[in-house]
Amino acid sequence: MAKAFVVDDSRAVRMILSRILTGLGFEVSEASNGKEALELIEAEQSPVQLVLVDWNMPEMNGLDLVKNLRRHREFESMVIVMVTTESEMDHMLAALEAGANEYVMKPFTPDILVEKLQMAGVQL
């Protein structure tokens, strides 16, 4: 079963995203900030295929998490999708330049998320 992480400081958003991903066949783990997510992903025994990450979080924001993950060669094939309320083009470009594969703006529908995952190359 493919492994995914949902990283968001909102428990409600984590629950919504986790439910969608579970329905798509992923085994989902959650973290409430980038620092926690980085520690959990680095400690994970099996490869993580997908990370959905919010931009604005305490401890370590989503952009810094993306940059940290992309510094590790073992995470090169990991698909990272930024899921955020940040709608400015500058934010989108910064996320993509840092290594995010796709960008989803909140609020979103399950169909939009699935479409973005497919665009990022996730096999569903």
PDB file of N, CA and C in Angstrom:
ATOM      1  N   MET A   1       0.848  -1.186   0.000  1.00  0.00           N
ATOM      2  CA  MET A   1       0.000   0.000   0.000  1.00  0.00           C
ATOM      3  C   MET A   1       0.893   1.248   0.000  1.00  0.00           C
ATOM      4  N   ALA A   2       0.583   2.208  -0.865  1.00  0.00           N
ATOM      5  CA  ALA A   2       1.365   3.438  -0.960  1.00  0.00           C
ATOM      6  C   ALA A   2       1.200   4.260   0.307  1.00  0.00           C
ATOM      7  N   LYS A   3       2.288   4.893   0.728  1.00  0.00           N
ATOM      8  CA  LYS A   3       2.324   5.669   1.968  1.00  0.00           C
ATOM      9  C   LYS A   3       2.246   7.156   1.650  1.00  0.00           C
ATOM     10  N   ALA A   4       1.404   7.883   2.389  1.00  0.00           N
ATOM     11  CA  ALA A   4       1.264   9.327   2.217  1.00  0.00           C
ATOM     12  C   ALA A   4       1.303  10.017   3.571  1.00  0.00           C
ATOM     13  N   PHE A   5       1.758  11.261   3.573  1.00  0.00           N
ATOM     14  CA  PHE A   5       1.733  12.107   4.760  1.00  0.00           C
ATOM     15  C   PHE A   5       0.887  13.333   4.478  1.00  0.00           C
ATOM     16  N   VAL A   6       0.073  13.722   5.457  1.00  0.00           N
ATOM     17  CA  VAL A   6      -0.694  14.955   5.406  1.00  0.00           C
ATOM     18  C   VAL A   6      -0.137  15.851   6.498  1.00  0.00           C
ATOM     19  N   VAL A   7       0.342  17.037   6.104  1.00  0.00           N
ATOM     20  CA  VAL A   7       0.988  17.950   7.044  1.00  0.00           C
ATOM     21  C   VAL A   7       0.229  19.267   7.045  1.00  0.00           C
ATOM     22  N   ASP A   8      -0.492  19.527   8.132  1.00  0.00           N
ATOM     23  CA  ASP A   8      -1.296  20.746   8.251  1.00  0.00           C
ATOM     24  C   ASP A   8      -1.542  20.991   9.736  1.00  0.00           C
ATOM     25  N   ASP A   9      -1.520  22.261  10.151  1.00  0.00           N
ATOM     26  CA  ASP A   9      -1.753  22.547  11.563  1.00  0.00           C
ATOM     27  C   ASP A   9      -3.235  22.501  11.921  1.00  0.00           C
ATOM     28  N   SER A  10      -4.113  22.403  10.940  1.00  0.00           N
ATOM     29  CA  SER A  10      -5.548  22.270  11.190  1.00  0.00           C
ATOM     30  C   SER A  10      -5.932  20.790  11.231  1.00  0.00           C
ATOM     31  N   ARG A  11      -6.434  20.352  12.366  1.00  0.00           N
ATOM     32  CA  ARG A  11      -6.852  18.960  12.499  1.00  0.00           C
ATOM     33  C   ARG A  11      -7.981  18.639  11.522  1.00  0.00           C
ATOM     34  N   ALA A  12      -8.884  19.597  11.300  1.00  0.00           N
ATOM     35  CA  ALA A  12     -10.007  19.371  10.377  1.00  0.00           C
ATOM     36  C   ALA A  12      -9.504  19.151   8.953  1.00  0.00           C
ATOM     37  N   VAL A  13      -8.541  19.952   8.516  1.00  0.00           N
ATOM     38  CA  VAL A  13      -7.996  19.795   7.162  1.00  0.00           C
ATOM     39  C   VAL A  13      -7.256  18.457   7.051  1.00  0.00           C
ATOM     40  N   ARG A  14      -6.482  18.115   8.082  1.00  0.00           N
ATOM     41  CA  ARG A  14      -5.795  16.809   8.067  1.00  0.00           C
ATOM     42  C   ARG A  14      -6.802  15.680   7.929  1.00  0.00           C
ATOM     43  N   MET A  15      -7.913  15.776   8.650  1.00  0.00           N
ATOM     44  CA  MET A  15      -8.933  14.727   8.607  1.00  0.00           C
ATOM     45  C   MET A  15      -9.548  14.615   7.202  1.00  0.00           C
ATOM     46  N   ILE A  16      -9.873  15.756   6.595  1.00  0.00           N
ATOM     47  CA  ILE A  16     -10.469  15.760   5.250  1.00  0.00           C
ATOM     48  C   ILE A  16      -9.498  15.155   4.245  1.00  0.00           C
ATOM     49  N   LEU A  17      -8.245  15.630   4.242  1.00  0.00           N
ATOM     50  CA  LEU A  17      -7.255  15.121   3.294  1.00  0.00           C
ATOM     51  C   LEU A  17      -6.967  13.643   3.531  1.00  0.00           C
ATOM     52  N   SER A  18      -6.873  13.251   4.782  1.00  0.00           N
ATOM     53  CA  SER A  18      -6.603  11.841   5.101  1.00  0.00           C
ATOM     54  C   SER A  18      -7.729  10.948   4.609  1.00  0.00           C
ATOM     55  N   ARG A  19      -8.959  11.392   4.775  1.00  0.00           N
ATOM     56  CA  ARG A  19     -10.113  10.612   4.328  1.00  0.00           C
ATOM     57  C   ARG A  19     -10.085  10.442   2.807  1.00  0.00           C
ATOM     58  N   ILE A  20      -9.761  11.513   2.081  1.00  0.00           N
ATOM     59  CA  ILE A  20      -9.685  11.432   0.612  1.00  0.00           C
ATOM     60  C   ILE A  20      -8.590  10.455   0.199  1.00  0.00           C
ATOM     61  N   LEU A  21      -7.403  10.603   0.794  1.00  0.00           N
ATOM     62  CA  LEU A  21      -6.274   9.745   0.425  1.00  0.00           C
ATOM     63  C   LEU A  21      -6.520   8.282   0.793  1.00  0.00           C
ATOM     64  N   THR A  22      -7.128   8.030   1.946  1.00  0.00           N
ATOM     65  CA  THR A  22      -7.454   6.664   2.349  1.00  0.00           C
ATOM     66  C   THR A  22      -8.407   6.044   1.332  1.00  0.00           C
ATOM     67  N   GLY A  23      -9.373   6.833   0.879  1.00  0.00           N
ATOM     68  CA  GLY A  23     -10.311   6.358  -0.136  1.00  0.00           C
ATOM     69  C   GLY A  23      -9.637   6.049  -1.463  1.00  0.00           C
ATOM     70  N   LEU A  24      -8.476   6.676  -1.708  1.00  0.00           N
ATOM     71  CA  LEU A  24      -7.713   6.422  -2.933  1.00  0.00           C
ATOM     72  C   LEU A  24      -6.725   5.269  -2.769  1.00  0.00           C
ATOM     73  N   GLY A  25      -6.714   4.664  -1.557  1.00  0.00           N
ATOM     74  CA  GLY A  25      -5.875   3.498  -1.338  1.00  0.00           C
ATOM     75  C   GLY A  25      -4.546   3.762  -0.657  1.00  0.00           C
ATOM     76  N   PHE A  26      -4.355   4.957  -0.110  1.00  0.00           N
ATOM     77  CA  PHE A  26      -3.106   5.270   0.587  1.00  0.00           C
ATOM     78  C   PHE A  26      -3.186   4.902   2.056  1.00  0.00           C
ATOM     79  N   GLU A  27      -2.041   4.540   2.607  1.00  0.00           N
ATOM     80  CA  GLU A  27      -1.866   4.443   4.058  1.00  0.00           C
ATOM     81  C   GLU A  27      -1.393   5.826   4.480  1.00  0.00           C
ATOM     82  N   VAL A  28      -2.160   6.511   5.335  1.00  0.00           N
ATOM     83  CA  VAL A  28      -1.919   7.918   5.626  1.00  0.00           C
ATOM     84  C   VAL A  28      -1.414   8.123   7.051  1.00  0.00           C
ATOM     85  N   SER A  29      -0.364   8.939   7.168  1.00  0.00           N
ATOM     86  CA  SER A  29       0.121   9.426   8.455  1.00  0.00           C
ATOM     87  C   SER A  29      -0.037  10.939   8.464  1.00  0.00           C
ATOM     88  N   GLU A  30      -0.099  11.506   9.659  1.00  0.00           N
ATOM     89  CA  GLU A  30      -0.333  12.945   9.780  1.00  0.00           C
ATOM     90  C   GLU A  30       0.713  13.600  10.660  1.00  0.00           C
ATOM     91  N   ALA A  31       0.942  14.898  10.390  1.00  0.00           N
ATOM     92  CA  ALA A  31       1.800  15.728  11.231  1.00  0.00           C
ATOM     93  C   ALA A  31       1.189  17.125  11.265  1.00  0.00           C
ATOM     94  N   SER A  32       1.393  17.830  12.376  1.00  0.00           N
ATOM     95  CA  SER A  32       0.768  19.147  12.534  1.00  0.00           C
ATOM     96  C   SER A  32       1.694  20.307  12.195  1.00  0.00           C
ATOM     97  N   ASN A  33       2.952  20.014  11.860  1.00  0.00           N
ATOM     98  CA  ASN A  33       3.861  21.067  11.408  1.00  0.00           C
ATOM     99  C   ASN A  33       5.011  20.435  10.634  1.00  0.00           C
ATOM    100  N   GLY A  34       5.791  21.270   9.976  1.00  0.00           N
ATOM    101  CA  GLY A  34       6.866  20.771   9.133  1.00  0.00           C
ATOM    102  C   GLY A  34       7.963  20.055   9.888  1.00  0.00           C
ATOM    103  N   LYS A  35       8.296  20.542  11.070  1.00  0.00           N
ATOM    104  CA  LYS A  35       9.354  19.921  11.872  1.00  0.00           C
ATOM    105  C   LYS A  35       8.970  18.490  12.254  1.00  0.00           C
ATOM    106  N   GLU A  36       7.744  18.330  12.742  1.00  0.00           N
ATOM    107  CA  GLU A  36       7.250  16.999  13.109  1.00  0.00           C
ATOM    108  C   GLU A  36       7.227  16.083  11.886  1.00  0.00           C
ATOM    109  N   ALA A  37       6.757  16.610  10.751  1.00  0.00           N
ATOM    110  CA  ALA A  37       6.682  15.811   9.526  1.00  0.00           C
ATOM    111  C   ALA A  37       8.060  15.361   9.070  1.00  0.00           C
ATOM    112  N   LEU A  38       9.032  16.262   9.094  1.00  0.00           N
ATOM    113  CA  LEU A  38      10.381  15.917   8.655  1.00  0.00           C
ATOM    114  C   LEU A  38      10.950  14.792   9.514  1.00  0.00           C
ATOM    115  N   GLU A  39      10.771  14.892  10.825  1.00  0.00           N
ATOM    116  CA  GLU A  39      11.273  13.854  11.737  1.00  0.00           C
ATOM    117  C   GLU A  39      10.591  12.511  11.459  1.00  0.00           C
ATOM    118  N   LEU A  40       9.270  12.528  11.262  1.00  0.00           N
ATOM    119  CA  LEU A  40       8.532  11.286  11.020  1.00  0.00           C
ATOM    120  C   LEU A  40       8.895  10.663   9.669  1.00  0.00           C
ATOM    121  N   ILE A  41       9.017  11.501   8.644  1.00  0.00           N
ATOM    122  CA  ILE A  41       9.335  10.992   7.310  1.00  0.00           C
ATOM    123  C   ILE A  41      10.748  10.421   7.283  1.00  0.00           C
ATOM    124  N   GLU A  42      11.704  11.109   7.929  1.00  0.00           N
ATOM    125  CA  GLU A  42      13.080  10.609   7.972  1.00  0.00           C
ATOM    126  C   GLU A  42      13.173   9.287   8.732  1.00  0.00           C
ATOM    127  N   ALA A  43      12.301   9.084   9.725  1.00  0.00           N
ATOM    128  CA  ALA A  43      12.320   7.860  10.528  1.00  0.00           C
ATOM    129  C   ALA A  43      11.511   6.731   9.903  1.00  0.00           C
ATOM    130  N   GLU A  44      10.731   7.037   8.875  1.00  0.00           N
ATOM    131  CA  GLU A  44       9.850   6.050   8.244  1.00  0.00           C
ATOM    132  C   GLU A  44      10.677   4.925   7.620  1.00  0.00           C
ATOM    133  N   GLN A  45      10.267   3.692   7.870  1.00  0.00           N
ATOM    134  CA  GLN A  45      10.985   2.523   7.352  1.00  0.00           C
ATOM    135  C   GLN A  45      10.685   2.256   5.879  1.00  0.00           C
ATOM    136  N   SER A  46       9.423   2.457   5.491  1.00  0.00           N
ATOM    137  CA  SER A  46       9.053   2.233   4.088  1.00  0.00           C
ATOM    138  C   SER A  46       8.991   3.573   3.369  1.00  0.00           C
ATOM    139  N   PRO A  47       9.214   3.569   2.055  1.00  0.00           N
ATOM    140  CA  PRO A  47       9.233   4.836   1.320  1.00  0.00           C
ATOM    141  C   PRO A  47       7.885   5.555   1.350  1.00  0.00           C
ATOM    142  N   VAL A  48       7.952   6.864   1.445  1.00  0.00           N
ATOM    143  CA  VAL A  48       6.764   7.714   1.408  1.00  0.00           C
ATOM    144  C   VAL A  48       6.620   8.212  -0.027  1.00  0.00           C
ATOM    145  N   GLN A  49       5.489   7.901  -0.653  1.00  0.00           N
ATOM    146  CA  GLN A  49       5.286   8.289  -2.050  1.00  0.00           C
ATOM    147  C   GLN A  49       4.746   9.704  -2.213  1.00  0.00           C
ATOM    148  N   LEU A  50       3.956  10.172  -1.215  1.00  0.00           N
ATOM    149  CA  LEU A  50       3.214  11.421  -1.384  1.00  0.00           C
ATOM    150  C   LEU A  50       3.184  12.204  -0.079  1.00  0.00           C
ATOM    151  N   VAL A  51       3.383  13.526  -0.195  1.00  0.00           N
ATOM    152  CA  VAL A  51       3.238  14.418   0.950  1.00  0.00           C
ATOM    153  C   VAL A  51       2.364  15.589   0.522  1.00  0.00           C
ATOM    154  N   LEU A  52       1.270  15.816   1.260  1.00  0.00           N
ATOM    155  CA  LEU A  52       0.436  16.998   1.074  1.00  0.00           C
ATOM    156  C   LEU A  52       0.773  17.941   2.211  1.00  0.00           C
ATOM    157  N   VAL A  53       1.182  19.160   1.887  1.00  0.00           N
ATOM    158  CA  VAL A  53       1.703  20.051   2.917  1.00  0.00           C
ATOM    159  C   VAL A  53       1.097  21.448   2.816  1.00  0.00           C
ATOM    160  N   ASP A  54       0.692  21.979   3.970  1.00  0.00           N
ATOM    161  CA  ASP A  54       0.190  23.338   4.088  1.00  0.00           C
ATOM    162  C   ASP A  54       1.381  24.299   4.118  1.00  0.00           C
ATOM    163  N   TRP A  55       1.159  25.534   3.767  1.00  0.00           N
ATOM    164  CA  TRP A  55       2.234  26.532   3.797  1.00  0.00           C
ATOM    165  C   TRP A  55       2.416  27.077   5.213  1.00  0.00           C
ATOM    166  N   ASN A  56       1.342  27.605   5.788  1.00  0.00           N
ATOM    167  CA  ASN A  56       1.421  28.326   7.066  1.00  0.00           C
ATOM    168  C   ASN A  56       1.224  27.394   8.251  1.00  0.00           C
ATOM    169  N   MET A  57       2.346  27.110   8.942  1.00  0.00           N
ATOM    170  CA  MET A  57       2.302  26.241  10.118  1.00  0.00           C
ATOM    171  C   MET A  57       3.344  26.733  11.117  1.00  0.00           C
ATOM    172  N   PRO A  58       3.138  26.424  12.401  1.00  0.00           N
ATOM    173  CA  PRO A  58       4.162  26.762  13.401  1.00  0.00           C
ATOM    174  C   PRO A  58       5.368  25.835  13.289  1.00  0.00           C
ATOM    175  N   GLU A  59       6.437  26.175  13.960  1.00  0.00           N
ATOM    176  CA  GLU A  59       7.669  25.370  14.057  1.00  0.00           C
ATOM    177  C   GLU A  59       8.471  25.375  12.762  1.00  0.00           C
ATOM    178  N   MET A  60       7.892  24.863  11.673  1.00  0.00           N
ATOM    179  CA  MET A  60       8.515  24.887  10.349  1.00  0.00           C
ATOM    180  C   MET A  60       7.392  24.974   9.327  1.00  0.00           C
ATOM    181  N   ASN A  61       7.445  26.008   8.477  1.00  0.00           N
ATOM    182  CA  ASN A  61       6.370  26.155   7.491  1.00  0.00           C
ATOM    183  C   ASN A  61       6.535  25.169   6.344  1.00  0.00           C
ATOM    184  N   GLY A  62       5.524  25.122   5.500  1.00  0.00           N
ATOM    185  CA  GLY A  62       5.506  24.149   4.417  1.00  0.00           C
ATOM    186  C   GLY A  62       6.601  24.354   3.388  1.00  0.00           C
ATOM    187  N   LEU A  63       6.934  25.604   3.090  1.00  0.00           N
ATOM    188  CA  LEU A  63       7.987  25.864   2.114  1.00  0.00           C
ATOM    189  C   LEU A  63       9.320  25.330   2.623  1.00  0.00           C
ATOM    190  N   ASP A  64       9.614  25.559   3.901  1.00  0.00           N
ATOM    191  CA  ASP A  64      10.864  25.036   4.483  1.00  0.00           C
ATOM    192  C   ASP A  64      10.866  23.509   4.519  1.00  0.00           C
ATOM    193  N   LEU A  65       9.705  22.903   4.748  1.00  0.00           N
ATOM    194  CA  LEU A  65       9.624  21.444   4.717  1.00  0.00           C
ATOM    195  C   LEU A  65       9.954  20.918   3.319  1.00  0.00           C
ATOM    196  N   VAL A  66       9.374  21.546   2.295  1.00  0.00           N
ATOM    197  CA  VAL A  66       9.652  21.127   0.920  1.00  0.00           C
ATOM    198  C   VAL A  66      11.159  21.219   0.641  1.00  0.00           C
ATOM    199  N   LYS A  67      11.759  22.341   1.006  1.00  0.00           N
ATOM    200  CA  LYS A  67      13.198  22.529   0.775  1.00  0.00           C
ATOM    201  C   LYS A  67      14.015  21.466   1.507  1.00  0.00           C
ATOM    202  N   ASN A  68      13.649  21.172   2.752  1.00  0.00           N
ATOM    203  CA  ASN A  68      14.367  20.156   3.535  1.00  0.00           C
ATOM    204  C   ASN A  68      14.232  18.770   2.915  1.00  0.00           C
ATOM    205  N   LEU A  69      13.032  18.414   2.490  1.00  0.00           N
ATOM    206  CA  LEU A  69      12.825  17.100   1.882  1.00  0.00           C
ATOM    207  C   LEU A  69      13.622  16.970   0.588  1.00  0.00           C
ATOM    208  N   ARG A  70      13.650  18.016  -0.206  1.00  0.00           N
ATOM    209  CA  ARG A  70      14.343  17.955  -1.499  1.00  0.00           C
ATOM    210  C   ARG A  70      15.868  17.921  -1.354  1.00  0.00           C
ATOM    211  N   ARG A  71      16.381  18.213  -0.172  1.00  0.00           N
ATOM    212  CA  ARG A  71      17.833  18.105   0.068  1.00  0.00           C
ATOM    213  C   ARG A  71      18.284  16.655   0.201  1.00  0.00           C
ATOM    214  N   HIS A  72      17.343  15.750   0.451  1.00  0.00           N
ATOM    215  CA  HIS A  72      17.646  14.332   0.645  1.00  0.00           C
ATOM    216  C   HIS A  72      17.475  13.578  -0.666  1.00  0.00           C
ATOM    217  N   ARG A  73      18.519  12.896  -1.106  1.00  0.00           N
ATOM    218  CA  ARG A  73      18.446  12.134  -2.362  1.00  0.00           C
ATOM    219  C   ARG A  73      17.382  11.042  -2.303  1.00  0.00           C
ATOM    220  N   GLU A  74      17.198  10.437  -1.117  1.00  0.00           N
ATOM    221  CA  GLU A  74      16.234   9.343  -1.019  1.00  0.00           C
ATOM    222  C   GLU A  74      14.783   9.799  -1.193  1.00  0.00           C
ATOM    223  N   PHE A  75      14.552  11.113  -1.174  1.00  0.00           N
ATOM    224  CA  PHE A  75      13.191  11.638  -1.338  1.00  0.00           C
ATOM    225  C   PHE A  75      12.976  12.267  -2.716  1.00  0.00           C
ATOM    226  N   GLU A  76      13.895  12.045  -3.640  1.00  0.00           N
ATOM    227  CA  GLU A  76      13.795  12.649  -4.974  1.00  0.00           C
ATOM    228  C   GLU A  76      12.513  12.269  -5.703  1.00  0.00           C
ATOM    229  N   SER A  77      12.082  11.022  -5.561  1.00  0.00           N
ATOM    230  CA  SER A  77      10.901  10.571  -6.302  1.00  0.00           C
ATOM    231  C   SER A  77       9.590  10.840  -5.553  1.00  0.00           C
ATOM    232  N   MET A  78       9.679  11.333  -4.333  1.00  0.00           N
ATOM    233  CA  MET A  78       8.488  11.644  -3.542  1.00  0.00           C
ATOM    234  C   MET A  78       7.710  12.774  -4.220  1.00  0.00           C
ATOM    235  N   VAL A  79       6.395  12.598  -4.333  1.00  0.00           N
ATOM    236  CA  VAL A  79       5.535  13.652  -4.871  1.00  0.00           C
ATOM    237  C   VAL A  79       5.110  14.545  -3.711  1.00  0.00           C
ATOM    238  N   ILE A  80       5.360  15.846  -3.859  1.00  0.00           N
ATOM    239  CA  ILE A  80       4.983  16.814  -2.826  1.00  0.00           C
ATOM    240  C   ILE A  80       3.988  17.798  -3.437  1.00  0.00           C
ATOM    241  N   VAL A  81       2.825  17.906  -2.787  1.00  0.00           N
ATOM    242  CA  VAL A  81       1.787  18.823  -3.243  1.00  0.00           C
ATOM    243  C   VAL A  81       1.515  19.825  -2.133  1.00  0.00           C
ATOM    244  N   MET A  82       1.673  21.098  -2.432  1.00  0.00           N
ATOM    245  CA  MET A  82       1.355  22.164  -1.488  1.00  0.00           C
ATOM    246  C   MET A  82      -0.152  22.388  -1.534  1.00  0.00           C
ATOM    247  N   VAL A  83      -0.810  22.318  -0.383  1.00  0.00           N
ATOM    248  CA  VAL A  83      -2.254  22.526  -0.278  1.00  0.00           C
ATOM    249  C   VAL A  83      -2.446  23.680   0.699  1.00  0.00           C
ATOM    250  N   THR A  84      -2.799  24.869   0.189  1.00  0.00           N
ATOM    251  CA  THR A  84      -2.715  26.061   1.017  1.00  0.00           C
ATOM    252  C   THR A  84      -3.726  27.137   0.625  1.00  0.00           C
ATOM    253  N   THR A  85      -3.903  28.102   1.514  1.00  0.00           N
ATOM    254  CA  THR A  85      -4.735  29.270   1.219  1.00  0.00           C
ATOM    255  C   THR A  85      -3.932  30.346   0.501  1.00  0.00           C
ATOM    256  N   GLU A  86      -2.625  30.190   0.438  1.00  0.00           N
ATOM    257  CA  GLU A  86      -1.773  31.180  -0.229  1.00  0.00           C
ATOM    258  C   GLU A  86      -2.052  31.150  -1.729  1.00  0.00           C
ATOM    259  N   SER A  87      -2.651  32.213  -2.244  1.00  0.00           N
ATOM    260  CA  SER A  87      -3.079  32.212  -3.641  1.00  0.00           C
ATOM    261  C   SER A  87      -2.244  33.124  -4.541  1.00  0.00           C
ATOM    262  N   GLU A  88      -1.269  33.842  -3.973  1.00  0.00           N
ATOM    263  CA  GLU A  88      -0.452  34.731  -4.792  1.00  0.00           C
ATOM    264  C   GLU A  88       0.473  33.925  -5.700  1.00  0.00           C
ATOM    265  N   MET A  89       0.675  34.426  -6.899  1.00  0.00           N
ATOM    266  CA  MET A  89       1.539  33.760  -7.867  1.00  0.00           C
ATOM    267  C   MET A  89       2.958  33.596  -7.319  1.00  0.00           C
ATOM    268  N   ASP A  90       3.442  34.580  -6.541  1.00  0.00           N
ATOM    269  CA  ASP A  90       4.791  34.495  -5.962  1.00  0.00           C
ATOM    270  C   ASP A  90       4.927  33.266  -5.067  1.00  0.00           C
ATOM    271  N   HIS A  91       3.892  32.983  -4.279  1.00  0.00           N
ATOM    272  CA  HIS A  91       3.922  31.819  -3.403  1.00  0.00           C
ATOM    273  C   HIS A  91       3.932  30.523  -4.219  1.00  0.00           C
ATOM    274  N   MET A  92       3.104  30.475  -5.243  1.00  0.00           N
ATOM    275  CA  MET A  92       3.040  29.287  -6.077  1.00  0.00           C
ATOM    276  C   MET A  92       4.393  29.033  -6.744  1.00  0.00           C
ATOM    277  N   LEU A  93       4.988  30.074  -7.297  1.00  0.00           N
ATOM    278  CA  LEU A  93       6.296  29.928  -7.944  1.00  0.00           C
ATOM    279  C   LEU A  93       7.360  29.497  -6.948  1.00  0.00           C
ATOM    280  N   ALA A  94       7.348  30.084  -5.751  1.00  0.00           N
ATOM    281  CA  ALA A  94       8.334  29.723  -4.731  1.00  0.00           C
ATOM    282  C   ALA A  94       8.215  28.254  -4.351  1.00  0.00           C
ATOM    283  N   ALA A  95       6.986  27.782  -4.205  1.00  0.00           N
ATOM    284  CA  ALA A  95       6.769  26.376  -3.834  1.00  0.00           C
ATOM    285  C   ALA A  95       7.258  25.446  -4.937  1.00  0.00           C
ATOM    286  N   LEU A  96       6.927  25.765  -6.180  1.00  0.00           N
ATOM    287  CA  LEU A  96       7.339  24.918  -7.300  1.00  0.00           C
ATOM    288  C   LEU A  96       8.860  24.948  -7.472  1.00  0.00           C
ATOM    289  N   GLU A  97       9.468  26.123  -7.306  1.00  0.00           N
ATOM    290  CA  GLU A  97      10.921  26.234  -7.417  1.00  0.00           C
ATOM    291  C   GLU A  97      11.626  25.473  -6.300  1.00  0.00           C
ATOM    292  N   ALA A  98      10.989  25.409  -5.122  1.00  0.00           N
ATOM    293  CA  ALA A  98      11.574  24.691  -3.988  1.00  0.00           C
ATOM    294  C   ALA A  98      11.480  23.179  -4.157  1.00  0.00           C
ATOM    295  N   GLY A  99      10.615  22.732  -5.078  1.00  0.00           N
ATOM    296  CA  GLY A  99      10.528  21.297  -5.323  1.00  0.00           C
ATOM    297  C   GLY A  99       9.146  20.697  -5.203  1.00  0.00           C
ATOM    298  N   ALA A 100       8.128  21.514  -4.932  1.00  0.00           N
ATOM    299  CA  ALA A 100       6.766  20.979  -4.917  1.00  0.00           C
ATOM    300  C   ALA A 100       6.389  20.576  -6.341  1.00  0.00           C
ATOM    301  N   ASN A 101       5.669  19.463  -6.467  1.00  0.00           N
ATOM    302  CA  ASN A 101       5.259  18.981  -7.782  1.00  0.00           C
ATOM    303  C   ASN A 101       3.977  19.653  -8.277  1.00  0.00           C
ATOM    304  N   GLU A 102       3.104  20.015  -7.337  1.00  0.00           N
ATOM    305  CA  GLU A 102       1.837  20.660  -7.691  1.00  0.00           C
ATOM    306  C   GLU A 102       1.425  21.582  -6.551  1.00  0.00           C
ATOM    307  N   TYR A 103       0.387  22.379  -6.813  1.00  0.00           N
ATOM    308  CA  TYR A 103      -0.071  23.403  -5.879  1.00  0.00           C
ATOM    309  C   TYR A 103      -1.594  23.403  -5.907  1.00  0.00           C
ATOM    310  N   VAL A 104      -2.235  23.190  -4.760  1.00  0.00           N
ATOM    311  CA  VAL A 104      -3.695  23.188  -4.649  1.00  0.00           C
ATOM    312  C   VAL A 104      -4.103  24.290  -3.686  1.00  0.00           C
ATOM    313  N   MET A 105      -5.033  25.132  -4.124  1.00  0.00           N
ATOM    314  CA  MET A 105      -5.491  26.215  -3.255  1.00  0.00           C
ATOM    315  C   MET A 105      -6.740  25.804  -2.494  1.00  0.00           C
ATOM    316  N   LYS A 106      -6.756  26.125  -1.197  1.00  0.00           N
ATOM    317  CA  LYS A 106      -7.939  25.908  -0.362  1.00  0.00           C
ATOM    318  C   LYS A 106      -8.907  27.054  -0.635  1.00  0.00           C
ATOM    319  N   PRO A 107     -10.207  26.817  -0.620  1.00  0.00           N
ATOM    320  CA  PRO A 107     -10.840  25.510  -0.479  1.00  0.00           C
ATOM    321  C   PRO A 107     -10.741  24.709  -1.785  1.00  0.00           C
ATOM    322  N   PHE A 108     -10.778  23.403  -1.649  1.00  0.00           N
ATOM    323  CA  PHE A 108     -10.657  22.513  -2.795  1.00  0.00           C
ATOM    324  C   PHE A 108     -11.740  21.446  -2.683  1.00  0.00           C
ATOM    325  N   THR A 109     -11.969  20.766  -3.787  1.00  0.00           N
ATOM    326  CA  THR A 109     -12.898  19.624  -3.786  1.00  0.00           C
ATOM    327  C   THR A 109     -12.060  18.354  -3.933  1.00  0.00           C
ATOM    328  N   PRO A 110     -12.626  17.208  -3.570  1.00  0.00           N
ATOM    329  CA  PRO A 110     -11.893  15.953  -3.799  1.00  0.00           C
ATOM    330  C   PRO A 110     -11.493  15.782  -5.264  1.00  0.00           C
ATOM    331  N   ASP A 111     -12.368  16.191  -6.184  1.00  0.00           N
ATOM    332  CA  ASP A 111     -12.056  16.054  -7.613  1.00  0.00           C
ATOM    333  C   ASP A 111     -10.847  16.890  -8.011  1.00  0.00           C
ATOM    334  N   ILE A 112     -10.755  18.097  -7.487  1.00  0.00           N
ATOM    335  CA  ILE A 112      -9.600  18.961  -7.786  1.00  0.00           C
ATOM    336  C   ILE A 112      -8.329  18.318  -7.255  1.00  0.00           C
ATOM    337  N   LEU A 113      -8.388  17.790  -6.034  1.00  0.00           N
ATOM    338  CA  LEU A 113      -7.213  17.149  -5.450  1.00  0.00           C
ATOM    339  C   LEU A 113      -6.774  15.948  -6.297  1.00  0.00           C
ATOM    340  N   VAL A 114      -7.721  15.113  -6.675  1.00  0.00           N
ATOM    341  CA  VAL A 114      -7.400  13.936  -7.498  1.00  0.00           C
ATOM    342  C   VAL A 114      -6.776  14.376  -8.821  1.00  0.00           C
ATOM    343  N   GLU A 115      -7.335  15.404  -9.443  1.00  0.00           N
ATOM    344  CA  GLU A 115      -6.799  15.909 -10.714  1.00  0.00           C
ATOM    345  C   GLU A 115      -5.347  16.384 -10.539  1.00  0.00           C
ATOM    346  N   LYS A 116      -5.086  17.116  -9.468  1.00  0.00           N
ATOM    347  CA  LYS A 116      -3.725  17.617  -9.213  1.00  0.00           C
ATOM    348  C   LYS A 116      -2.761  16.465  -8.918  1.00  0.00           C
ATOM    349  N   LEU A 117      -3.229  15.451  -8.203  1.00  0.00           N
ATOM    350  CA  LEU A 117      -2.376  14.289  -7.930  1.00  0.00           C
ATOM    351  C   LEU A 117      -2.015  13.578  -9.229  1.00  0.00           C
ATOM    352  N   GLN A 118      -2.990  13.431 -10.103  1.00  0.00           N
ATOM    353  CA  GLN A 118      -2.727  12.805 -11.399  1.00  0.00           C
ATOM    354  C   GLN A 118      -1.758  13.645 -12.230  1.00  0.00           C
ATOM    355  N   MET A 119      -1.914  14.969 -12.199  1.00  0.00           N
ATOM    356  CA  MET A 119      -1.017  15.865 -12.915  1.00  0.00           C
ATOM    357  C   MET A 119       0.416  15.747 -12.396  1.00  0.00           C
ATOM    358  N   ALA A 120       0.537  15.458 -11.084  1.00  0.00           N
ATOM    359  CA  ALA A 120       1.858  15.315 -10.461  1.00  0.00           C
ATOM    360  C   ALA A 120       2.461  13.940 -10.702  1.00  0.00           C
ATOM    361  N   GLY A 121       1.703  13.047 -11.347  1.00  0.00           N
ATOM    362  CA  GLY A 121       2.227  11.733 -11.678  1.00  0.00           C
ATOM    363  C   GLY A 121       1.914  10.641 -10.671  1.00  0.00           C
ATOM    364  N   VAL A 122       1.000  10.912  -9.744  1.00  0.00           N
ATOM    365  CA  VAL A 122       0.623   9.898  -8.755  1.00  0.00           C
ATOM    366  C   VAL A 122      -0.276   8.873  -9.440  1.00  0.00           C
ATOM    367  N   GLN A 123       0.063   7.596  -9.282  1.00  0.00           N
ATOM    368  CA  GLN A 123      -0.743   6.516  -9.845  1.00  0.00           C
ATOM    369  C   GLN A 123      -1.906   6.211  -8.904  1.00  0.00           C
ATOM    370  N   LEU A 124      -3.120   6.444  -9.387  1.00  0.00           N
ATOM    371  CA  LEU A 124      -4.305   6.221  -8.554  1.00  0.00           C
ATOM    372  C   LEU A 124      -5.100   5.031  -9.059  1.00  0.00           C
TER     373      LEU A 124
END
